[in-house]
Amino acid sequence: MLFRWLSEIPCVSRVGGEVADLHIGIRTSRLTFKSLNELVAVFARYNLDMEVLSRFASGKHSWLKDYPEAYWYSSMFPSGPKGNKRQRAPVQTRLGPGRPRK
C-alpha cells in the first residue's frame, strides 16, 4: 500500500528500496501544495522520517515552517519550538536521485 500511495502522488517520479531503506524520486517542478500534503500524510501514516521533507520548506512551500502547532511540525523540525522528536521505526528515507541526505 505504501508504494502504491507514493506512486500515485504526481510529484513522485520513482519509488524503490524497501520500507526500511526507502528511495523516493521527487520532481520538484511538480511539487504542489496538494502533493506536498500527500507526502506529509504518507510519511506520518507510515512513521517515516519527516525531517527529509523539511528541505522543501522554502519559497512557495515555506508555509511548512509557519505552523508549529501542526501534528507533523515537531517531527519535521525537531529543533523548532516543539523540539520533542517522537520515537519512530529505524527508517532511512532518501529523496531525490537516490543519494542519501547529508
PDB file of N, CA and C in Angstrom:
ATOM      1  N   MET A   1       0.821  -1.194   0.000  1.00  0.00           N
ATOM      2  CA  MET A   1       0.000   0.000   0.000  1.00  0.00           C
ATOM      3  C   MET A   1       0.868   1.262   0.000  1.00  0.00           C
ATOM      4  N   LEU A   2       1.953   1.275   0.760  1.00  0.00           N
ATOM      5  CA  LEU A   2       2.847   2.426   0.834  1.00  0.00           C
ATOM      6  C   LEU A   2       3.376   2.795  -0.551  1.00  0.00           C
ATOM      7  N   PHE A   3       3.898   1.818  -1.277  1.00  0.00           N
ATOM      8  CA  PHE A   3       4.496   2.088  -2.580  1.00  0.00           C
ATOM      9  C   PHE A   3       3.447   2.567  -3.583  1.00  0.00           C
ATOM     10  N   ARG A   4       2.264   2.008  -3.519  1.00  0.00           N
ATOM     11  CA  ARG A   4       1.198   2.424  -4.431  1.00  0.00           C
ATOM     12  C   ARG A   4       0.762   3.856  -4.127  1.00  0.00           C
ATOM     13  N   TRP A   5       0.593   4.170  -2.833  1.00  0.00           N
ATOM     14  CA  TRP A   5       0.189   5.515  -2.428  1.00  0.00           C
ATOM     15  C   TRP A   5       1.229   6.534  -2.920  1.00  0.00           C
ATOM     16  N   LEU A   6       2.500   6.241  -2.673  1.00  0.00           N
ATOM     17  CA  LEU A   6       3.553   7.146  -3.113  1.00  0.00           C
ATOM     18  C   LEU A   6       3.547   7.321  -4.629  1.00  0.00           C
ATOM     19  N   SER A   7       3.405   6.235  -5.363  1.00  0.00           N
ATOM     20  CA  SER A   7       3.463   6.317  -6.826  1.00  0.00           C
ATOM     21  C   SER A   7       2.278   7.072  -7.417  1.00  0.00           C
ATOM     22  N   GLU A   8       1.213   7.250  -6.663  1.00  0.00           N
ATOM     23  CA  GLU A   8       0.047   7.995  -7.140  1.00  0.00           C
ATOM     24  C   GLU A   8       0.167   9.498  -6.910  1.00  0.00           C
ATOM     25  N   ILE A   9       1.197   9.933  -6.192  1.00  0.00           N
ATOM     26  CA  ILE A   9       1.415  11.358  -5.964  1.00  0.00           C
ATOM     27  C   ILE A   9       2.129  11.920  -7.190  1.00  0.00           C
ATOM     28  N   PRO A  10       1.553  12.949  -7.838  1.00  0.00           N
ATOM     29  CA  PRO A  10       2.092  13.439  -9.118  1.00  0.00           C
ATOM     30  C   PRO A  10       3.566  13.844  -9.109  1.00  0.00           C
ATOM     31  N   CYS A  11       4.095  14.324  -7.998  1.00  0.00           N
ATOM     32  CA  CYS A  11       5.493  14.766  -7.987  1.00  0.00           C
ATOM     33  C   CYS A  11       6.479  13.618  -7.789  1.00  0.00           C
ATOM     34  N   VAL A  12       5.997  12.436  -7.471  1.00  0.00           N
ATOM     35  CA  VAL A  12       6.873  11.285  -7.246  1.00  0.00           C
ATOM     36  C   VAL A  12       7.215  10.646  -8.583  1.00  0.00           C
ATOM     37  N   SER A  13       8.509  10.635  -8.898  1.00  0.00           N
ATOM     38  CA  SER A  13       8.944  10.077 -10.185  1.00  0.00           C
ATOM     39  C   SER A  13       9.303   8.598 -10.082  1.00  0.00           C
ATOM     40  N   ARG A  14       9.724   8.172  -8.900  1.00  0.00           N
ATOM     41  CA  ARG A  14      10.023   6.744  -8.705  1.00  0.00           C
ATOM     42  C   ARG A  14      10.042   6.420  -7.223  1.00  0.00           C
ATOM     43  N   VAL A  15       9.808   5.147  -6.950  1.00  0.00           N
ATOM     44  CA  VAL A  15       9.841   4.629  -5.582  1.00  0.00           C
ATOM     45  C   VAL A  15      10.609   3.325  -5.635  1.00  0.00           C
ATOM     46  N   GLY A  16      11.567   3.156  -4.744  1.00  0.00           N
ATOM     47  CA  GLY A  16      12.360   1.937  -4.737  1.00  0.00           C
ATOM     48  C   GLY A  16      12.828   1.591  -3.343  1.00  0.00           C
ATOM     49  N   GLY A  17      13.514   0.498  -3.254  1.00  0.00           N
ATOM     50  CA  GLY A  17      14.024   0.026  -1.977  1.00  0.00           C
ATOM     51  C   GLY A  17      12.972  -0.742  -1.212  1.00  0.00           C
ATOM     52  N   GLU A  18      13.151  -0.773   0.084  1.00  0.00           N
ATOM     53  CA  GLU A  18      12.210  -1.427   0.993  1.00  0.00           C
ATOM     54  C   GLU A  18      11.795  -0.401   2.026  1.00  0.00           C
ATOM     55  N   VAL A  19      10.803  -0.728   2.836  1.00  0.00           N
ATOM     56  CA  VAL A  19      10.310   0.221   3.829  1.00  0.00           C
ATOM     57  C   VAL A  19      11.447   0.700   4.731  1.00  0.00           C
ATOM     58  N   ALA A  20      12.371  -0.164   5.104  1.00  0.00           N
ATOM     59  CA  ALA A  20      13.473   0.217   5.991  1.00  0.00           C
ATOM     60  C   ALA A  20      14.553   1.038   5.280  1.00  0.00           C
ATOM     61  N   ASP A  21      14.548   1.064   3.955  1.00  0.00           N
ATOM     62  CA  ASP A  21      15.533   1.835   3.185  1.00  0.00           C
ATOM     63  C   ASP A  21      14.846   2.320   1.910  1.00  0.00           C
ATOM     64  N   LEU A  22      13.977   3.286   2.076  1.00  0.00           N
ATOM     65  CA  LEU A  22      13.101   3.759   1.015  1.00  0.00           C
ATOM     66  C   LEU A  22      13.786   4.828   0.170  1.00  0.00           C
ATOM     67  N   HIS A  23      13.651   4.728  -1.135  1.00  0.00           N
ATOM     68  CA  HIS A  23      14.199   5.709  -2.074  1.00  0.00           C
ATOM     69  C   HIS A  23      13.030   6.305  -2.852  1.00  0.00           C
ATOM     70  N   ILE A  24      12.871   7.624  -2.759  1.00  0.00           N
ATOM     71  CA  ILE A  24      11.762   8.295  -3.424  1.00  0.00           C
ATOM     72  C   ILE A  24      12.327   9.387  -4.314  1.00  0.00           C
ATOM     73  N   GLY A  25      12.025   9.325  -5.595  1.00  0.00           N
ATOM     74  CA  GLY A  25      12.417  10.377  -6.527  1.00  0.00           C
ATOM     75  C   GLY A  25      11.329  11.435  -6.567  1.00  0.00           C
ATOM     76  N   ILE A  26      11.701  12.701  -6.373  1.00  0.00           N
ATOM     77  CA  ILE A  26      10.740  13.801  -6.365  1.00  0.00           C
ATOM     78  C   ILE A  26      11.070  14.775  -7.489  1.00  0.00           C
ATOM     79  N   ARG A  27      10.088  15.087  -8.326  1.00  0.00           N
ATOM     80  CA  ARG A  27      10.230  16.137  -9.339  1.00  0.00           C
ATOM     81  C   ARG A  27       9.778  17.436  -8.690  1.00  0.00           C
ATOM     82  N   THR A  28      10.734  18.258  -8.279  1.00  0.00           N
ATOM     83  CA  THR A  28      10.376  19.492  -7.577  1.00  0.00           C
ATOM     84  C   THR A  28       9.537  20.421  -8.448  1.00  0.00           C
ATOM     85  N   SER A  29       9.671  20.319  -9.756  1.00  0.00           N
ATOM     86  CA  SER A  29       8.860  21.152 -10.645  1.00  0.00           C
ATOM     87  C   SER A  29       7.379  20.782 -10.577  1.00  0.00           C
ATOM     88  N   ARG A  30       7.082  19.579 -10.079  1.00  0.00           N
ATOM     89  CA  ARG A  30       5.688  19.122  -9.954  1.00  0.00           C
ATOM     90  C   ARG A  30       5.224  19.095  -8.499  1.00  0.00           C
ATOM     91  N   LEU A  31       6.044  19.634  -7.606  1.00  0.00           N
ATOM     92  CA  LEU A  31       5.713  19.639  -6.180  1.00  0.00           C
ATOM     93  C   LEU A  31       4.734  20.771  -5.892  1.00  0.00           C
ATOM     94  N   THR A  32       3.482  20.417  -5.691  1.00  0.00           N
ATOM     95  CA  THR A  32       2.422  21.392  -5.420  1.00  0.00           C
ATOM     96  C   THR A  32       2.037  21.322  -3.950  1.00  0.00           C
ATOM     97  N   PHE A  33       1.208  22.251  -3.532  1.00  0.00           N
ATOM     98  CA  PHE A  33       0.681  22.240  -2.167  1.00  0.00           C
ATOM     99  C   PHE A  33       0.013  20.899  -1.872  1.00  0.00           C
ATOM    100  N   LYS A  34      -0.816  20.454  -2.796  1.00  0.00           N
ATOM    101  CA  LYS A  34      -1.544  19.194  -2.609  1.00  0.00           C
ATOM    102  C   LYS A  34      -0.599  17.990  -2.538  1.00  0.00           C
ATOM    103  N   SER A  35       0.384  17.925  -3.441  1.00  0.00           N
ATOM    104  CA  SER A  35       1.282  16.772  -3.442  1.00  0.00           C
ATOM    105  C   SER A  35       2.187  16.770  -2.207  1.00  0.00           C
ATOM    106  N   LEU A  36       2.596  17.943  -1.748  1.00  0.00           N
ATOM    107  CA  LEU A  36       3.392  18.003  -0.526  1.00  0.00           C
ATOM    108  C   LEU A  36       2.564  17.573   0.676  1.00  0.00           C
ATOM    109  N   ASN A  37       1.304  17.962   0.704  1.00  0.00           N
ATOM    110  CA  ASN A  37       0.416  17.490   1.773  1.00  0.00           C
ATOM    111  C   ASN A  37       0.262  15.979   1.737  1.00  0.00           C
ATOM    112  N   GLU A  38       0.175  15.420   0.540  1.00  0.00           N
ATOM    113  CA  GLU A  38       0.092  13.961   0.405  1.00  0.00           C
ATOM    114  C   GLU A  38       1.363  13.291   0.934  1.00  0.00           C
ATOM    115  N   LEU A  39       2.520  13.859   0.616  1.00  0.00           N
ATOM    116  CA  LEU A  39       3.783  13.311   1.132  1.00  0.00           C
ATOM    117  C   LEU A  39       3.812  13.367   2.653  1.00  0.00           C
ATOM    118  N   VAL A  40       3.386  14.484   3.220  1.00  0.00           N
ATOM    119  CA  VAL A  40       3.337  14.601   4.683  1.00  0.00           C
ATOM    120  C   VAL A  40       2.419  13.523   5.266  1.00  0.00           C
ATOM    121  N   ALA A  41       1.274  13.311   4.631  1.00  0.00           N
ATOM    122  CA  ALA A  41       0.327  12.298   5.109  1.00  0.00           C
ATOM    123  C   ALA A  41       0.923  10.891   5.036  1.00  0.00           C
ATOM    124  N   VAL A  42       1.588  10.568   3.938  1.00  0.00           N
ATOM    125  CA  VAL A  42       2.213   9.249   3.779  1.00  0.00           C
ATOM    126  C   VAL A  42       3.301   9.062   4.838  1.00  0.00           C
ATOM    127  N   PHE A  43       4.155  10.080   4.993  1.00  0.00           N
ATOM    128  CA  PHE A  43       5.238   9.976   5.964  1.00  0.00           C
ATOM    129  C   PHE A  43       4.690   9.828   7.380  1.00  0.00           C
ATOM    130  N   ALA A  44       3.618  10.548   7.697  1.00  0.00           N
ATOM    131  CA  ALA A  44       3.010  10.428   9.025  1.00  0.00           C
ATOM    132  C   ALA A  44       2.375   9.054   9.208  1.00  0.00           C
ATOM    133  N   ARG A  45       1.640   8.597   8.217  1.00  0.00           N
ATOM    134  CA  ARG A  45       0.937   7.303   8.311  1.00  0.00           C
ATOM    135  C   ARG A  45       1.905   6.143   8.504  1.00  0.00           C
ATOM    136  N   TYR A  46       3.040   6.177   7.813  1.00  0.00           N
ATOM    137  CA  TYR A  46       3.995   5.074   7.874  1.00  0.00           C
ATOM    138  C   TYR A  46       5.183   5.367   8.788  1.00  0.00           C
ATOM    139  N   ASN A  47       5.067   6.446   9.568  1.00  0.00           N
ATOM    140  CA  ASN A  47       6.076   6.793  10.570  1.00  0.00           C
ATOM    141  C   ASN A  47       7.478   6.907   9.959  1.00  0.00           C
ATOM    142  N   LEU A  48       7.552   7.545   8.795  1.00  0.00           N
ATOM    143  CA  LEU A  48       8.823   7.764   8.121  1.00  0.00           C
ATOM    144  C   LEU A  48       9.457   9.051   8.648  1.00  0.00           C
ATOM    145  N   ASP A  49      10.730   9.221   8.411  1.00  0.00           N
ATOM    146  CA  ASP A  49      11.469  10.371   8.914  1.00  0.00           C
ATOM    147  C   ASP A  49      11.038  11.658   8.212  1.00  0.00           C
ATOM    148  N   MET A  50      10.242  12.462   8.885  1.00  0.00           N
ATOM    149  CA  MET A  50       9.704  13.697   8.310  1.00  0.00           C
ATOM    150  C   MET A  50      10.777  14.752   8.082  1.00  0.00           C
ATOM    151  N   GLU A  51      11.901  14.642   8.752  1.00  0.00           N
ATOM    152  CA  GLU A  51      12.959  15.647   8.581  1.00  0.00           C
ATOM    153  C   GLU A  51      13.386  15.783   7.119  1.00  0.00           C
ATOM    154  N   VAL A  52      13.310  14.708   6.353  1.00  0.00           N
ATOM    155  CA  VAL A  52      13.722  14.797   4.948  1.00  0.00           C
ATOM    156  C   VAL A  52      12.795  15.714   4.151  1.00  0.00           C
ATOM    157  N   LEU A  53      11.561  15.888   4.616  1.00  0.00           N
ATOM    158  CA  LEU A  53      10.636  16.786   3.927  1.00  0.00           C
ATOM    159  C   LEU A  53      10.929  18.255   4.241  1.00  0.00           C
ATOM    160  N   SER A  54      11.670  18.520   5.291  1.00  0.00           N
ATOM    161  CA  SER A  54      11.956  19.909   5.667  1.00  0.00           C
ATOM    162  C   SER A  54      12.755  20.641   4.594  1.00  0.00           C
ATOM    163  N   ARG A  55      13.454  19.917   3.732  1.00  0.00           N
ATOM    164  CA  ARG A  55      14.218  20.562   2.653  1.00  0.00           C
ATOM    165  C   ARG A  55      13.320  21.308   1.683  1.00  0.00           C
ATOM    166  N   PHE A  56      12.028  21.005   1.673  1.00  0.00           N
ATOM    167  CA  PHE A  56      11.094  21.673   0.772  1.00  0.00           C
ATOM    168  C   PHE A  56      10.445  22.899   1.413  1.00  0.00           C
ATOM    169  N   ALA A  57      10.795  23.218   2.655  1.00  0.00           N
ATOM    170  CA  ALA A  57      10.159  24.304   3.416  1.00  0.00           C
ATOM    171  C   ALA A  57      10.759  25.663   3.090  1.00  0.00           C
ATOM    172  N   SER A  58      10.753  26.015   1.833  1.00  0.00           N
ATOM    173  CA  SER A  58      11.226  27.333   1.418  1.00  0.00           C
ATOM    174  C   SER A  58      10.422  27.758   0.196  1.00  0.00           C
ATOM    175  N   GLY A  59      10.573  29.002  -0.178  1.00  0.00           N
ATOM    176  CA  GLY A  59       9.843  29.501  -1.340  1.00  0.00           C
ATOM    177  C   GLY A  59       8.346  29.329  -1.175  1.00  0.00           C
ATOM    178  N   LYS A  60       7.721  28.759  -2.192  1.00  0.00           N
ATOM    179  CA  LYS A  60       6.256  28.625  -2.139  1.00  0.00           C
ATOM    180  C   LYS A  60       5.779  27.606  -1.107  1.00  0.00           C
ATOM    181  N   HIS A  61       6.712  26.834  -0.551  1.00  0.00           N
ATOM    182  CA  HIS A  61       6.337  25.854   0.477  1.00  0.00           C
ATOM    183  C   HIS A  61       6.839  26.248   1.863  1.00  0.00           C
ATOM    184  N   SER A  62       7.174  27.524   2.041  1.00  0.00           N
ATOM    185  CA  SER A  62       7.655  27.968   3.351  1.00  0.00           C
ATOM    186  C   SER A  62       6.569  27.874   4.418  1.00  0.00           C
ATOM    187  N   TRP A  63       5.316  27.690   4.006  1.00  0.00           N
ATOM    188  CA  TRP A  63       4.224  27.515   4.956  1.00  0.00           C
ATOM    189  C   TRP A  63       4.472  26.341   5.897  1.00  0.00           C
ATOM    190  N   LEU A  64       5.305  25.388   5.476  1.00  0.00           N
ATOM    191  CA  LEU A  64       5.607  24.248   6.355  1.00  0.00           C
ATOM    192  C   LEU A  64       6.180  24.709   7.687  1.00  0.00           C
ATOM    193  N   LYS A  65       6.947  25.796   7.674  1.00  0.00           N
ATOM    194  CA  LYS A  65       7.590  26.306   8.891  1.00  0.00           C
ATOM    195  C   LYS A  65       6.670  27.198   9.711  1.00  0.00           C
ATOM    196  N   ASP A  66       5.530  27.574   9.157  1.00  0.00           N
ATOM    197  CA  ASP A  66       4.663  28.568   9.788  1.00  0.00           C
ATOM    198  C   ASP A  66       3.633  28.002  10.752  1.00  0.00           C
ATOM    199  N   TYR A  67       3.574  26.694  10.933  1.00  0.00           N
ATOM    200  CA  TYR A  67       2.531  26.100  11.762  1.00  0.00           C
ATOM    201  C   TYR A  67       3.113  25.167  12.827  1.00  0.00           C
ATOM    202  N   PRO A  68       3.753  25.717  13.869  1.00  0.00           N
ATOM    203  CA  PRO A  68       4.356  24.857  14.896  1.00  0.00           C
ATOM    204  C   PRO A  68       3.340  23.995  15.639  1.00  0.00           C
ATOM    205  N   GLU A  69       2.051  24.335  15.529  1.00  0.00           N
ATOM    206  CA  GLU A  69       1.015  23.529  16.183  1.00  0.00           C
ATOM    207  C   GLU A  69       0.572  22.337  15.336  1.00  0.00           C
ATOM    208  N   ALA A  70       1.042  22.248  14.097  1.00  0.00           N
ATOM    209  CA  ALA A  70       0.650  21.148  13.207  1.00  0.00           C
ATOM    210  C   ALA A  70       1.185  19.814  13.729  1.00  0.00           C
ATOM    211  N   TYR A  71       0.441  18.744  13.496  1.00  0.00           N
ATOM    212  CA  TYR A  71       0.803  17.418  14.012  1.00  0.00           C
ATOM    213  C   TYR A  71       2.168  16.942  13.535  1.00  0.00           C
ATOM    214  N   TRP A  72       2.628  17.409  12.390  1.00  0.00           N
ATOM    215  CA  TRP A  72       3.877  16.943  11.804  1.00  0.00           C
ATOM    216  C   TRP A  72       5.063  17.842  12.104  1.00  0.00           C
ATOM    217  N   TYR A  73       4.822  19.029  12.659  1.00  0.00           N
ATOM    218  CA  TYR A  73       5.871  20.034  12.795  1.00  0.00           C
ATOM    219  C   TYR A  73       7.071  19.553  13.609  1.00  0.00           C
ATOM    220  N   SER A  74       6.845  19.008  14.786  1.00  0.00           N
ATOM    221  CA  SER A  74       7.976  18.606  15.642  1.00  0.00           C
ATOM    222  C   SER A  74       8.774  17.461  15.038  1.00  0.00           C
ATOM    223  N   SER A  75       8.156  16.658  14.191  1.00  0.00           N
ATOM    224  CA  SER A  75       8.885  15.589  13.515  1.00  0.00           C
ATOM    225  C   SER A  75       9.692  16.116  12.341  1.00  0.00           C
ATOM    226  N   MET A  76       9.168  17.152  11.687  1.00  0.00           N
ATOM    227  CA  MET A  76       9.845  17.718  10.532  1.00  0.00           C
ATOM    228  C   MET A  76      10.947  18.695  10.946  1.00  0.00           C
ATOM    229  N   PHE A  77      10.711  19.412  12.049  1.00  0.00           N
ATOM    230  CA  PHE A  77      11.657  20.407  12.554  1.00  0.00           C
ATOM    231  C   PHE A  77      11.941  20.126  14.032  1.00  0.00           C
ATOM    232  N   PRO A  78      12.690  19.091  14.351  1.00  0.00           N
ATOM    233  CA  PRO A  78      12.881  18.682  15.747  1.00  0.00           C
ATOM    234  C   PRO A  78      13.565  19.729  16.618  1.00  0.00           C
ATOM    235  N   SER A  79      14.289  20.664  16.053  1.00  0.00           N
ATOM    236  CA  SER A  79      14.929  21.691  16.874  1.00  0.00           C
ATOM    237  C   SER A  79      14.083  22.959  16.944  1.00  0.00           C
ATOM    238  N   GLY A  80      12.869  22.909  16.392  1.00  0.00           N
ATOM    239  CA  GLY A  80      11.974  24.064  16.402  1.00  0.00           C
ATOM    240  C   GLY A  80      11.303  24.230  17.753  1.00  0.00           C
ATOM    241  N   PRO A  81      10.266  25.074  17.802  1.00  0.00           N
ATOM    242  CA  PRO A  81       9.583  25.369  19.060  1.00  0.00           C
ATOM    243  C   PRO A  81       9.081  24.150  19.809  1.00  0.00           C
ATOM    244  N   LYS A  82       8.701  23.103  19.079  1.00  0.00           N
ATOM    245  CA  LYS A  82       8.208  21.879  19.715  1.00  0.00           C
ATOM    246  C   LYS A  82       9.265  20.792  19.606  1.00  0.00           C
ATOM    247  N   GLY A  83      10.494  21.075  19.838  1.00  0.00           N
ATOM    248  CA  GLY A  83      11.624  20.207  19.568  1.00  0.00           C
ATOM    249  C   GLY A  83      11.597  18.804  20.133  1.00  0.00           C
ATOM    250  N   ASN A  84      10.487  18.308  20.611  1.00  0.00           N
ATOM    251  CA  ASN A  84      10.419  16.942  21.128  1.00  0.00           C
ATOM    252  C   ASN A  84      10.256  15.974  19.976  1.00  0.00           C
ATOM    253  N   LYS A  85      11.324  15.327  19.614  1.00  0.00           N
ATOM    254  CA  LYS A  85      11.295  14.385  18.499  1.00  0.00           C
ATOM    255  C   LYS A  85      10.691  13.069  18.972  1.00  0.00           C
ATOM    256  N   ARG A  86       9.632  12.630  18.310  1.00  0.00           N
ATOM    257  CA  ARG A  86       8.993  11.382  18.726  1.00  0.00           C
ATOM    258  C   ARG A  86       9.785  10.184  18.235  1.00  0.00           C
ATOM    259  N   GLN A  87       9.613   9.076  18.904  1.00  0.00           N
ATOM    260  CA  GLN A  87      10.300   7.851  18.513  1.00  0.00           C
ATOM    261  C   GLN A  87       9.669   7.298  17.247  1.00  0.00           C
ATOM    262  N   ARG A  88      10.480   6.739  16.398  1.00  0.00           N
ATOM    263  CA  ARG A  88       9.970   6.138  15.166  1.00  0.00           C
ATOM    264  C   ARG A  88      10.785   4.900  14.831  1.00  0.00           C
ATOM    265  N   ALA A  89      10.242   4.135  13.947  1.00  0.00           N
ATOM    266  CA  ALA A  89      10.954   2.945  13.494  1.00  0.00           C
ATOM    267  C   ALA A  89      12.244   3.380  12.799  1.00  0.00           C
ATOM    268  N   PRO A  90      13.298   2.573  12.877  1.00  0.00           N
ATOM    269  CA  PRO A  90      14.558   2.952  12.229  1.00  0.00           C
ATOM    270  C   PRO A  90      14.437   2.858  10.715  1.00  0.00           C
ATOM    271  N   VAL A  91      14.118   3.976  10.095  1.00  0.00           N
ATOM    272  CA  VAL A  91      13.902   4.020   8.651  1.00  0.00           C
ATOM    273  C   VAL A  91      14.831   5.065   8.048  1.00  0.00           C
ATOM    274  N   GLN A  92      15.500   4.712   6.983  1.00  0.00           N
ATOM    275  CA  GLN A  92      16.290   5.677   6.223  1.00  0.00           C
ATOM    276  C   GLN A  92      15.479   6.017   4.982  1.00  0.00           C
ATOM    277  N   THR A  93      15.100   7.262   4.873  1.00  0.00           N
ATOM    278  CA  THR A  93      14.320   7.687   3.725  1.00  0.00           C
ATOM    279  C   THR A  93      15.173   8.621   2.894  1.00  0.00           C
ATOM    280  N   ARG A  94      15.232   8.374   1.615  1.00  0.00           N
ATOM    281  CA  ARG A  94      16.033   9.192   0.721  1.00  0.00           C
ATOM    282  C   ARG A  94      15.134   9.808  -0.324  1.00  0.00           C
ATOM    283  N   LEU A  95      15.323  11.086  -0.536  1.00  0.00           N
ATOM    284  CA  LEU A  95      14.577  11.779  -1.573  1.00  0.00           C
ATOM    285  C   LEU A  95      15.544  12.226  -2.638  1.00  0.00           C
ATOM    286  N   GLY A  96      15.076  12.317  -3.841  1.00  0.00           N
ATOM    287  CA  GLY A  96      15.920  12.812  -4.915  1.00  0.00           C
ATOM    288  C   GLY A  96      16.466  11.675  -5.737  1.00  0.00           C
ATOM    289  N   PRO A  97      17.630  11.893  -6.321  1.00  0.00           N
ATOM    290  CA  PRO A  97      18.161  10.916  -7.272  1.00  0.00           C
ATOM    291  C   PRO A  97      18.840   9.716  -6.610  1.00  0.00           C
ATOM    292  N   GLY A  98      18.364   9.302  -5.485  1.00  0.00           N
ATOM    293  CA  GLY A  98      18.882   8.097  -4.854  1.00  0.00           C
ATOM    294  C   GLY A  98      20.084   8.306  -3.966  1.00  0.00           C
ATOM    295  N   ARG A  99      20.430   9.560  -3.683  1.00  0.00           N
ATOM    296  CA  ARG A  99      21.560   9.819  -2.798  1.00  0.00           C
ATOM    297  C   ARG A  99      21.039  10.110  -1.401  1.00  0.00           C
ATOM    298  N   PRO A 100      21.736   9.652  -0.361  1.00  0.00           N
ATOM    299  CA  PRO A 100      21.297   9.945   0.996  1.00  0.00           C
ATOM    300  C   PRO A 100      21.413  11.440   1.296  1.00  0.00           C
ATOM    301  N   ARG A 101      20.530  11.926   2.115  1.00  0.00           N
ATOM    302  CA  ARG A 101      20.578  13.323   2.530  1.00  0.00           C
ATOM    303  C   ARG A 101      21.743  13.527   3.472  1.00  0.00           C
ATOM    304  N   LYS A 102      22.498  14.593   3.272  1.00  0.00           N
ATOM    305  CA  LYS A 102      23.650  14.876   4.133  1.00  0.00           C
ATOM    306  C   LYS A 102      23.301  15.929   5.134  1.00  0.00           C
TER     307      LYS A 102
END
